[in-house]
Amino acid sequence: MDMKTPASRICQQLIYVISFCLLCVSHIGIAQQNSTPLVDSLFSKVLNEHRNYRVILPIDYDTNSGKKHDVIYVLDGETVVNVVSPIHRIASDWGEVPRCIIVGVDNKFVDGVVMRNRDLLPTHVSSSPLSGGANNYLKFIKEELMPHIDKKYATSKRNTLFGHSHGGTFTIYSMLSEPNLFNAYIATDPSLWWDGGYVTKKLKESLPNKPNLNVKLFVSGRKGYPYKNMGIETMDAVLKTNAPKNLKWESVAYENETHISVLLKTVYDGLKFVY
């Protein structure tokens, strides 16, 4: 501290800091109070099992108003929704993004074993015996979950898919496999190293055949070696060369973040990019 700084100025600075902290705390408190998820389930004929999901409605949600809301579908719903929801709420309170319905797609556990690799990874490799069921999972989301949500809630039919790690891999794979299913895709630190860079190879092969691909894609990673090691650097090169003109994309490498903490910045920046 500069000892020559007038005491009145110091007090003023402290007031600014305290006021800002109180503002953040108040918004976080409101977000928590109004973000209690509605936990539900449906039986999937595609997967032949019950699947849990959770819905967080906007604070202004009113079925009698006639207002429709965009939907953000969040993979790994039972955990990642707890990050997406409060940040979305603050961003929407501040007018940065619209108030959306958030749908967390929970993972399935069978006899205590999580089916995450089965559902999120597009190819089977021997080191992961459950892997390779992404096509079925995408079919479940497309043919069962999304129509179910559209029927039950006042949706605008404008949808975003949000995924982290393997969920990020699934997110990019979904864009290539079902390009008209979502309007925007947000992939956080995606595991693009999977199966020798399978998804990036598919990206390179398929983009030239999708000249009318008109969606938004936001990809985040961690600056330095992790950005390369996760395969995001290679994906960047493919997009720079092959992205069709209507594909609006951005890739960001954040400094001083972990595989988990990178979620925090990605939610805010990703949603702002989408909107």
C-alpha atoms as a PDB file:
ATOM      1  CA  MET A   1       0.000   0.000   0.000  1.00  0.00           C
ATOM      2  CA  ASP A   2       1.240   3.527  -0.809  1.00  0.00           C
ATOM      3  CA  MET A   3       1.583   5.221   2.599  1.00  0.00           C
ATOM      4  CA  LYS A   4       0.928   8.583   0.918  1.00  0.00           C
ATOM      5  CA  THR A   5      -2.553   7.519  -0.178  1.00  0.00           C
ATOM      6  CA  PRO A   6      -5.148   9.646   1.668  1.00  0.00           C
ATOM      7  CA  ALA A   7      -7.206   7.778   4.239  1.00  0.00           C
ATOM      8  CA  SER A   8     -10.424   8.842   2.506  1.00  0.00           C
ATOM      9  CA  ARG A   9      -9.272   7.225  -0.725  1.00  0.00           C
ATOM     10  CA  ILE A  10      -8.410   4.011   1.084  1.00  0.00           C
ATOM     11  CA  CYS A  11     -11.853   3.940   2.671  1.00  0.00           C
ATOM     12  CA  GLN A  12     -13.483   4.541  -0.702  1.00  0.00           C
ATOM     13  CA  GLN A  13     -11.544   1.647  -2.246  1.00  0.00           C
ATOM     14  CA  LEU A  14     -12.540  -0.636   0.608  1.00  0.00           C
ATOM     15  CA  ILE A  15     -16.181   0.320   0.133  1.00  0.00           C
ATOM     16  CA  TYR A  16     -15.957  -0.569  -3.569  1.00  0.00           C
ATOM     17  CA  VAL A  17     -14.396  -3.962  -2.789  1.00  0.00           C
ATOM     18  CA  ILE A  18     -16.900  -4.780  -0.046  1.00  0.00           C
ATOM     19  CA  SER A  19     -19.831  -3.685  -2.227  1.00  0.00           C
ATOM     20  CA  PHE A  20     -18.650  -5.848  -5.104  1.00  0.00           C
ATOM     21  CA  CYS A  21     -18.241  -8.881  -2.836  1.00  0.00           C
ATOM     22  CA  LEU A  22     -21.711  -8.399  -1.372  1.00  0.00           C
ATOM     23  CA  LEU A  23     -23.166  -8.119  -4.868  1.00  0.00           C
ATOM     24  CA  CYS A  24     -21.560 -11.392  -5.917  1.00  0.00           C
ATOM     25  CA  VAL A  25     -22.639 -13.164  -2.729  1.00  0.00           C
ATOM     26  CA  SER A  26     -26.212 -11.916  -3.076  1.00  0.00           C
ATOM     27  CA  HIS A  27     -26.462 -13.126  -6.658  1.00  0.00           C
ATOM     28  CA  ILE A  28     -24.962 -16.501  -5.814  1.00  0.00           C
ATOM     29  CA  GLY A  29     -27.417 -16.841  -2.926  1.00  0.00           C
ATOM     30  CA  ILE A  30     -30.364 -16.015  -5.163  1.00  0.00           C
ATOM     31  CA  ALA A  31     -29.117 -18.434  -7.802  1.00  0.00           C
ATOM     32  CA  GLN A  32     -28.929 -21.255  -5.292  1.00  0.00           C
ATOM     33  CA  GLN A  33     -32.381 -20.514  -3.911  1.00  0.00           C
ATOM     34  CA  ASN A  34     -33.977 -20.539  -7.350  1.00  0.00           C
ATOM     35  CA  SER A  35     -32.004 -23.371  -8.930  1.00  0.00           C
ATOM     36  CA  THR A  36     -33.291 -26.423  -7.104  1.00  0.00           C
ATOM     37  CA  PRO A  37     -33.431 -29.098  -9.806  1.00  0.00           C
ATOM     38  CA  LEU A  38     -36.588 -31.012 -10.587  1.00  0.00           C
ATOM     39  CA  VAL A  39     -35.304 -34.589 -10.687  1.00  0.00           C
ATOM     40  CA  ASP A  40     -37.225 -36.915 -12.987  1.00  0.00           C
ATOM     41  CA  SER A  41     -36.717 -39.960 -15.195  1.00  0.00           C
ATOM     42  CA  LEU A  42     -37.989 -41.679 -18.295  1.00  0.00           C
ATOM     43  CA  PHE A  43     -37.630 -45.171 -19.686  1.00  0.00           C
ATOM     44  CA  SER A  44     -35.469 -45.344 -22.784  1.00  0.00           C
ATOM     45  CA  LYS A  45     -36.396 -47.991 -25.322  1.00  0.00           C
ATOM     46  CA  VAL A  46     -33.197 -47.180 -27.191  1.00  0.00           C
ATOM     47  CA  LEU A  47     -30.997 -47.937 -24.172  1.00  0.00           C
ATOM     48  CA  ASN A  48     -33.443 -50.353 -22.541  1.00  0.00           C
ATOM     49  CA  GLU A  49     -33.130 -48.690 -19.141  1.00  0.00           C
ATOM     50  CA  HIS A  50     -34.497 -45.895 -17.014  1.00  0.00           C
ATOM     51  CA  ARG A  51     -32.566 -42.644 -17.294  1.00  0.00           C
ATOM     52  CA  ASN A  52     -32.558 -39.852 -14.752  1.00  0.00           C
ATOM     53  CA  TYR A  53     -32.468 -36.204 -15.714  1.00  0.00           C
ATOM     54  CA  ARG A  54     -32.817 -32.945 -13.822  1.00  0.00           C
ATOM     55  CA  VAL A  55     -34.438 -29.693 -14.911  1.00  0.00           C
ATOM     56  CA  ILE A  56     -33.734 -26.194 -13.633  1.00  0.00           C
ATOM     57  CA  LEU A  57     -36.332 -23.680 -14.738  1.00  0.00           C
ATOM     58  CA  PRO A  58     -35.714 -19.951 -15.224  1.00  0.00           C
ATOM     59  CA  ILE A  59     -36.875 -17.729 -12.399  1.00  0.00           C
ATOM     60  CA  ASP A  60     -39.404 -16.105 -14.745  1.00  0.00           C
ATOM     61  CA  TYR A  61     -40.769 -19.430 -16.027  1.00  0.00           C
ATOM     62  CA  ASP A  62     -44.558 -19.247 -16.306  1.00  0.00           C
ATOM     63  CA  THR A  63     -46.586 -21.659 -18.399  1.00  0.00           C
ATOM     64  CA  ASN A  64     -49.407 -19.115 -18.601  1.00  0.00           C
ATOM     65  CA  SER A  65     -47.263 -16.381 -20.113  1.00  0.00           C
ATOM     66  CA  GLY A  66     -46.807 -18.070 -23.473  1.00  0.00           C
ATOM     67  CA  LYS A  67     -43.076 -17.378 -23.310  1.00  0.00           C
ATOM     68  CA  LYS A  68     -40.769 -20.023 -24.739  1.00  0.00           C
ATOM     69  CA  HIS A  69     -37.267 -20.686 -23.408  1.00  0.00           C
ATOM     70  CA  ASP A  70     -34.102 -21.999 -25.017  1.00  0.00           C
ATOM     71  CA  VAL A  71     -32.723 -25.209 -23.524  1.00  0.00           C
ATOM     72  CA  ILE A  72     -29.161 -26.000 -22.441  1.00  0.00           C
ATOM     73  CA  TYR A  73     -28.583 -29.755 -22.284  1.00  0.00           C
ATOM     74  CA  VAL A  74     -25.734 -30.569 -19.872  1.00  0.00           C
ATOM     75  CA  LEU A  75     -23.944 -33.920 -19.945  1.00  0.00           C
ATOM     76  CA  ASP A  76     -22.768 -35.433 -16.636  1.00  0.00           C
ATOM     77  CA  GLY A  77     -25.841 -33.691 -15.304  1.00  0.00           C
ATOM     78  CA  GLU A  78     -25.610 -34.791 -11.692  1.00  0.00           C
ATOM     79  CA  THR A  79     -22.341 -32.877 -11.247  1.00  0.00           C
ATOM     80  CA  VAL A  80     -21.808 -30.369 -14.073  1.00  0.00           C
ATOM     81  CA  VAL A  81     -25.245 -28.784 -13.683  1.00  0.00           C
ATOM     82  CA  ASN A  82     -24.054 -27.513 -10.299  1.00  0.00           C
ATOM     83  CA  VAL A  83     -21.503 -25.393 -12.159  1.00  0.00           C
ATOM     84  CA  VAL A  84     -23.582 -24.392 -15.188  1.00  0.00           C
ATOM     85  CA  SER A  85     -26.720 -23.337 -13.326  1.00  0.00           C
ATOM     86  CA  PRO A  86     -25.421 -20.604 -10.967  1.00  0.00           C
ATOM     87  CA  ILE A  87     -23.133 -19.075 -13.595  1.00  0.00           C
ATOM     88  CA  HIS A  88     -25.962 -19.051 -16.127  1.00  0.00           C
ATOM     89  CA  ARG A  89     -28.226 -17.481 -13.539  1.00  0.00           C
ATOM     90  CA  ILE A  90     -25.801 -14.648 -12.805  1.00  0.00           C
ATOM     91  CA  ALA A  91     -25.127 -14.085 -16.520  1.00  0.00           C
ATOM     92  CA  SER A  92     -28.856 -13.954 -17.259  1.00  0.00           C
ATOM     93  CA  ASP A  93     -29.506 -11.643 -14.289  1.00  0.00           C
ATOM     94  CA  TRP A  94     -26.950  -9.259 -15.765  1.00  0.00           C
ATOM     95  CA  GLY A  95     -28.537  -9.502 -19.216  1.00  0.00           C
ATOM     96  CA  GLU A  96     -25.547 -11.220 -20.838  1.00  0.00           C
ATOM     97  CA  VAL A  97     -27.583 -14.256 -21.921  1.00  0.00           C
ATOM     98  CA  PRO A  98     -31.294 -15.105 -21.969  1.00  0.00           C
ATOM     99  CA  ARG A  99     -32.955 -17.087 -19.203  1.00  0.00           C
ATOM    100  CA  CYS A 100     -32.825 -20.699 -20.331  1.00  0.00           C
ATOM    101  CA  ILE A 101     -34.156 -24.049 -19.193  1.00  0.00           C
ATOM    102  CA  ILE A 102     -31.260 -26.240 -18.089  1.00  0.00           C
ATOM    103  CA  VAL A 103     -31.553 -30.001 -18.481  1.00  0.00           C
ATOM    104  CA  GLY A 104     -28.911 -32.134 -16.802  1.00  0.00           C
ATOM    105  CA  VAL A 105     -28.576 -35.574 -18.384  1.00  0.00           C
ATOM    106  CA  ASP A 106     -27.418 -37.787 -15.536  1.00  0.00           C
ATOM    107  CA  ASN A 107     -25.028 -40.689 -15.905  1.00  0.00           C
ATOM    108  CA  LYS A 108     -26.304 -44.228 -15.476  1.00  0.00           C
ATOM    109  CA  PHE A 109     -24.902 -46.549 -12.808  1.00  0.00           C
ATOM    110  CA  VAL A 110     -25.297 -50.326 -13.091  1.00  0.00           C
ATOM    111  CA  ASP A 111     -24.307 -52.317 -10.002  1.00  0.00           C
ATOM    112  CA  GLY A 112     -22.237 -49.336  -8.881  1.00  0.00           C
ATOM    113  CA  VAL A 113     -20.415 -49.016 -12.194  1.00  0.00           C
ATOM    114  CA  VAL A 114     -20.863 -45.781 -14.145  1.00  0.00           C
ATOM    115  CA  MET A 115     -21.848 -46.189 -17.804  1.00  0.00           C
ATOM    116  CA  ARG A 116     -20.186 -42.893 -18.763  1.00  0.00           C
ATOM    117  CA  ASN A 117     -17.604 -44.366 -21.153  1.00  0.00           C
ATOM    118  CA  ARG A 118     -20.293 -46.473 -22.777  1.00  0.00           C
ATOM    119  CA  ASP A 119     -22.507 -43.481 -23.456  1.00  0.00           C
ATOM    120  CA  LEU A 120     -20.056 -40.699 -24.261  1.00  0.00           C
ATOM    121  CA  LEU A 121     -17.329 -42.370 -26.302  1.00  0.00           C
ATOM    122  CA  PRO A 122     -17.914 -43.057 -30.010  1.00  0.00           C
ATOM    123  CA  THR A 123     -15.569 -46.022 -30.514  1.00  0.00           C
ATOM    124  CA  HIS A 124     -14.655 -49.141 -28.594  1.00  0.00           C
ATOM    125  CA  VAL A 125     -11.090 -49.665 -27.396  1.00  0.00           C
ATOM    126  CA  SER A 126      -9.887 -52.670 -25.425  1.00  0.00           C
ATOM    127  CA  SER A 127      -8.566 -50.581 -22.536  1.00  0.00           C
ATOM    128  CA  SER A 128     -12.114 -49.392 -21.849  1.00  0.00           C
ATOM    129  CA  PRO A 129     -14.450 -52.408 -22.124  1.00  0.00           C
ATOM    130  CA  LEU A 130     -17.640 -50.336 -21.873  1.00  0.00           C
ATOM    131  CA  SER A 131     -16.715 -47.755 -24.494  1.00  0.00           C
ATOM    132  CA  GLY A 132     -18.313 -47.257 -27.878  1.00  0.00           C
ATOM    133  CA  GLY A 133     -22.013 -46.554 -27.313  1.00  0.00           C
ATOM    134  CA  ALA A 134     -22.161 -42.862 -28.230  1.00  0.00           C
ATOM    135  CA  ASN A 135     -24.423 -43.451 -31.235  1.00  0.00           C
ATOM    136  CA  ASN A 136     -27.087 -45.088 -29.064  1.00  0.00           C
ATOM    137  CA  TYR A 137     -26.790 -42.349 -26.464  1.00  0.00           C
ATOM    138  CA  LEU A 138     -27.193 -39.673 -29.117  1.00  0.00           C
ATOM    139  CA  LYS A 139     -30.219 -41.508 -30.469  1.00  0.00           C
ATOM    140  CA  PHE A 140     -31.710 -41.558 -26.962  1.00  0.00           C
ATOM    141  CA  ILE A 141     -31.199 -37.809 -26.612  1.00  0.00           C
ATOM    142  CA  LYS A 142     -32.613 -37.086 -30.064  1.00  0.00           C
ATOM    143  CA  GLU A 143     -35.569 -39.446 -30.191  1.00  0.00           C
ATOM    144  CA  GLU A 144     -36.618 -39.702 -26.558  1.00  0.00           C
ATOM    145  CA  LEU A 145     -35.227 -37.096 -24.178  1.00  0.00           C
ATOM    146  CA  MET A 146     -35.558 -33.954 -26.291  1.00  0.00           C
ATOM    147  CA  PRO A 147     -39.127 -34.677 -27.476  1.00  0.00           C
ATOM    148  CA  HIS A 148     -40.014 -35.481 -23.857  1.00  0.00           C
ATOM    149  CA  ILE A 149     -38.643 -32.130 -22.653  1.00  0.00           C
ATOM    150  CA  ASP A 150     -40.313 -30.227 -25.493  1.00  0.00           C
ATOM    151  CA  LYS A 151     -43.656 -31.792 -24.611  1.00  0.00           C
ATOM    152  CA  LYS A 152     -43.356 -31.176 -20.887  1.00  0.00           C
ATOM    153  CA  TYR A 153     -41.932 -27.634 -20.868  1.00  0.00           C
ATOM    154  CA  ALA A 154     -42.344 -24.382 -22.795  1.00  0.00           C
ATOM    155  CA  THR A 155     -39.300 -24.678 -25.044  1.00  0.00           C
ATOM    156  CA  SER A 156     -38.315 -22.529 -28.011  1.00  0.00           C
ATOM    157  CA  LYS A 157     -36.695 -25.500 -29.820  1.00  0.00           C
ATOM    158  CA  ARG A 158     -33.378 -23.624 -29.744  1.00  0.00           C
ATOM    159  CA  ASN A 159     -30.951 -25.969 -28.024  1.00  0.00           C
ATOM    160  CA  THR A 160     -27.346 -25.961 -26.807  1.00  0.00           C
ATOM    161  CA  LEU A 161     -25.297 -29.023 -25.845  1.00  0.00           C
ATOM    162  CA  PHE A 162     -22.684 -28.623 -23.094  1.00  0.00           C
ATOM    163  CA  GLY A 163     -20.099 -31.308 -22.324  1.00  0.00           C
ATOM    164  CA  HIS A 164     -16.892 -31.611 -20.303  1.00  0.00           C
ATOM    165  CA  SER A 165     -13.959 -33.992 -20.886  1.00  0.00           C
ATOM    166  CA  HIS A 166     -15.456 -37.155 -22.443  1.00  0.00           C
ATOM    167  CA  GLY A 167     -18.678 -35.158 -22.544  1.00  0.00           C
ATOM    168  CA  GLY A 168     -16.832 -32.583 -24.635  1.00  0.00           C
ATOM    169  CA  THR A 169     -15.730 -35.317 -27.021  1.00  0.00           C
ATOM    170  CA  PHE A 170     -19.345 -36.456 -27.300  1.00  0.00           C
ATOM    171  CA  THR A 171     -20.432 -32.852 -27.900  1.00  0.00           C
ATOM    172  CA  ILE A 172     -18.181 -32.407 -30.939  1.00  0.00           C
ATOM    173  CA  TYR A 173     -19.051 -35.892 -32.189  1.00  0.00           C
ATOM    174  CA  SER A 174     -22.741 -34.992 -31.924  1.00  0.00           C
ATOM    175  CA  MET A 175     -22.205 -31.890 -34.057  1.00  0.00           C
ATOM    176  CA  LEU A 176     -20.770 -34.074 -36.802  1.00  0.00           C
ATOM    177  CA  SER A 177     -23.277 -36.910 -36.492  1.00  0.00           C
ATOM    178  CA  GLU A 178     -26.469 -34.855 -35.993  1.00  0.00           C
ATOM    179  CA  PRO A 179     -25.619 -31.335 -37.204  1.00  0.00           C
ATOM    180  CA  ASN A 180     -29.219 -30.124 -37.065  1.00  0.00           C
ATOM    181  CA  LEU A 181     -30.016 -31.417 -33.594  1.00  0.00           C
ATOM    182  CA  PHE A 182     -28.513 -28.488 -31.657  1.00  0.00           C
ATOM    183  CA  ASN A 183     -27.985 -24.862 -32.533  1.00  0.00           C
ATOM    184  CA  ALA A 184     -24.797 -24.578 -30.491  1.00  0.00           C
ATOM    185  CA  TYR A 185     -22.163 -26.816 -28.945  1.00  0.00           C
ATOM    186  CA  ILE A 186     -19.884 -26.037 -25.983  1.00  0.00           C
ATOM    187  CA  ALA A 187     -17.042 -28.510 -25.376  1.00  0.00           C
ATOM    188  CA  THR A 188     -14.926 -28.042 -22.242  1.00  0.00           C
ATOM    189  CA  ASP A 189     -11.437 -29.575 -22.283  1.00  0.00           C
ATOM    190  CA  PRO A 190     -12.628 -32.384 -24.587  1.00  0.00           C
ATOM    191  CA  SER A 191     -10.735 -35.683 -24.606  1.00  0.00           C
ATOM    192  CA  LEU A 192      -9.890 -35.482 -28.293  1.00  0.00           C
ATOM    193  CA  TRP A 193      -6.958 -37.831 -27.741  1.00  0.00           C
ATOM    194  CA  TRP A 194      -9.471 -40.666 -27.556  1.00  0.00           C
ATOM    195  CA  ASP A 195      -8.735 -43.585 -29.897  1.00  0.00           C
ATOM    196  CA  GLY A 196      -5.872 -41.881 -31.690  1.00  0.00           C
ATOM    197  CA  GLY A 197      -7.774 -38.664 -32.249  1.00  0.00           C
ATOM    198  CA  TYR A 198     -10.820 -40.361 -33.757  1.00  0.00           C
ATOM    199  CA  VAL A 199     -13.193 -37.390 -33.466  1.00  0.00           C
ATOM    200  CA  THR A 200     -10.700 -34.931 -34.962  1.00  0.00           C
ATOM    201  CA  LYS A 201     -10.104 -37.287 -37.889  1.00  0.00           C
ATOM    202  CA  LYS A 202     -13.854 -37.511 -38.387  1.00  0.00           C
ATOM    203  CA  LEU A 203     -14.000 -33.714 -38.214  1.00  0.00           C
ATOM    204  CA  LYS A 204     -11.414 -33.397 -40.977  1.00  0.00           C
ATOM    205  CA  GLU A 205     -13.176 -35.952 -43.171  1.00  0.00           C
ATOM    206  CA  SER A 206     -16.717 -34.731 -42.740  1.00  0.00           C
ATOM    207  CA  LEU A 207     -16.485 -30.906 -42.683  1.00  0.00           C
ATOM    208  CA  PRO A 208     -15.858 -30.612 -46.443  1.00  0.00           C
ATOM    209  CA  ASN A 209     -19.136 -32.510 -46.920  1.00  0.00           C
ATOM    210  CA  LYS A 210     -21.062 -30.118 -44.664  1.00  0.00           C
ATOM    211  CA  PRO A 211     -20.873 -26.766 -46.481  1.00  0.00           C
ATOM    212  CA  ASN A 212     -24.192 -25.675 -44.974  1.00  0.00           C
ATOM    213  CA  LEU A 213     -23.295 -26.459 -41.376  1.00  0.00           C
ATOM    214  CA  ASN A 214     -24.777 -23.439 -39.609  1.00  0.00           C
ATOM    215  CA  VAL A 215     -24.110 -23.809 -35.879  1.00  0.00           C
ATOM    216  CA  LYS A 216     -21.878 -22.325 -33.186  1.00  0.00           C
ATOM    217  CA  LEU A 217     -19.037 -24.245 -31.573  1.00  0.00           C
ATOM    218  CA  PHE A 218     -17.088 -23.089 -28.510  1.00  0.00           C
ATOM    219  CA  VAL A 219     -14.162 -25.213 -27.333  1.00  0.00           C
ATOM    220  CA  SER A 220     -12.009 -24.579 -24.279  1.00  0.00           C
ATOM    221  CA  GLY A 221      -8.802 -26.075 -22.964  1.00  0.00           C
ATOM    222  CA  ARG A 222      -5.774 -25.347 -20.804  1.00  0.00           C
ATOM    223  CA  LYS A 223      -2.879 -23.338 -22.186  1.00  0.00           C
ATOM    224  CA  GLY A 224       0.413 -25.084 -22.836  1.00  0.00           C
ATOM    225  CA  TYR A 225       1.073 -28.809 -22.898  1.00  0.00           C
ATOM    226  CA  PRO A 226      -2.491 -29.826 -21.839  1.00  0.00           C
ATOM    227  CA  TYR A 227      -3.926 -28.014 -24.877  1.00  0.00           C
ATOM    228  CA  LYS A 228      -1.786 -30.173 -27.142  1.00  0.00           C
ATOM    229  CA  ASN A 229      -2.057 -33.336 -25.068  1.00  0.00           C
ATOM    230  CA  MET A 230      -5.874 -33.271 -25.055  1.00  0.00           C
ATOM    231  CA  GLY A 231      -5.811 -33.004 -28.855  1.00  0.00           C
ATOM    232  CA  ILE A 232      -7.394 -29.546 -29.006  1.00  0.00           C
ATOM    233  CA  GLU A 233      -4.441 -27.996 -30.812  1.00  0.00           C
ATOM    234  CA  THR A 234      -4.862 -30.475 -33.669  1.00  0.00           C
ATOM    235  CA  MET A 235      -8.592 -29.781 -33.790  1.00  0.00           C
ATOM    236  CA  ASP A 236      -7.843 -26.037 -34.092  1.00  0.00           C
ATOM    237  CA  ALA A 237      -5.690 -26.680 -37.149  1.00  0.00           C
ATOM    238  CA  VAL A 238      -8.450 -28.738 -38.782  1.00  0.00           C
ATOM    239  CA  LEU A 239     -11.074 -26.059 -38.153  1.00  0.00           C
ATOM    240  CA  LYS A 240      -8.852 -23.271 -39.473  1.00  0.00           C
ATOM    241  CA  THR A 241      -8.448 -25.169 -42.732  1.00  0.00           C
ATOM    242  CA  ASN A 242     -11.786 -26.921 -43.175  1.00  0.00           C
ATOM    243  CA  ALA A 243     -14.510 -25.036 -41.301  1.00  0.00           C
ATOM    244  CA  PRO A 244     -17.410 -24.027 -43.594  1.00  0.00           C
ATOM    245  CA  LYS A 245     -18.220 -20.319 -43.620  1.00  0.00           C
ATOM    246  CA  ASN A 246     -21.451 -20.670 -41.630  1.00  0.00           C
ATOM    247  CA  LEU A 247     -19.788 -22.556 -38.790  1.00  0.00           C
ATOM    248  CA  LYS A 248     -19.083 -19.928 -36.151  1.00  0.00           C
ATOM    249  CA  TRP A 249     -16.400 -21.306 -33.873  1.00  0.00           C
ATOM    250  CA  GLU A 250     -13.978 -20.196 -31.214  1.00  0.00           C
ATOM    251  CA  SER A 251     -11.318 -22.072 -29.288  1.00  0.00           C
ATOM    252  CA  VAL A 252      -9.820 -20.705 -26.062  1.00  0.00           C
ATOM    253  CA  ALA A 253      -6.828 -21.876 -24.038  1.00  0.00           C
ATOM    254  CA  TYR A 254      -7.098 -20.653 -20.444  1.00  0.00           C
ATOM    255  CA  GLU A 255      -4.056 -20.064 -18.273  1.00  0.00           C
ATOM    256  CA  ASN A 256      -3.582 -21.429 -14.749  1.00  0.00           C
ATOM    257  CA  GLU A 257      -6.588 -23.752 -14.793  1.00  0.00           C
ATOM    258  CA  THR A 258      -7.066 -27.435 -14.040  1.00  0.00           C
ATOM    259  CA  HIS A 259      -9.149 -29.960 -15.934  1.00  0.00           C
ATOM    260  CA  ILE A 260     -11.974 -29.193 -13.492  1.00  0.00           C
ATOM    261  CA  SER A 261     -11.611 -25.466 -12.851  1.00  0.00           C
ATOM    262  CA  VAL A 262     -11.627 -24.715 -16.589  1.00  0.00           C
ATOM    263  CA  LEU A 263     -15.366 -25.365 -16.399  1.00  0.00           C
ATOM    264  CA  LEU A 264     -15.985 -22.103 -14.544  1.00  0.00           C
ATOM    265  CA  LYS A 265     -14.688 -19.792 -17.248  1.00  0.00           C
ATOM    266  CA  THR A 266     -16.050 -21.916 -20.063  1.00  0.00           C
ATOM    267  CA  VAL A 267     -19.651 -21.694 -18.881  1.00  0.00           C
ATOM    268  CA  TYR A 268     -19.646 -17.901 -18.912  1.00  0.00           C
ATOM    269  CA  ASP A 269     -17.541 -17.375 -22.032  1.00  0.00           C
ATOM    270  CA  GLY A 270     -19.226 -20.218 -23.894  1.00  0.00           C
ATOM    271  CA  LEU A 271     -22.744 -18.993 -23.252  1.00  0.00           C
ATOM    272  CA  LYS A 272     -21.785 -15.443 -24.197  1.00  0.00           C
ATOM    273  CA  PHE A 273     -20.313 -16.751 -27.466  1.00  0.00           C
ATOM    274  CA  VAL A 274     -23.465 -18.752 -28.180  1.00  0.00           C
ATOM    275  CA  TYR A 275     -25.693 -15.717 -27.608  1.00  0.00           C
END
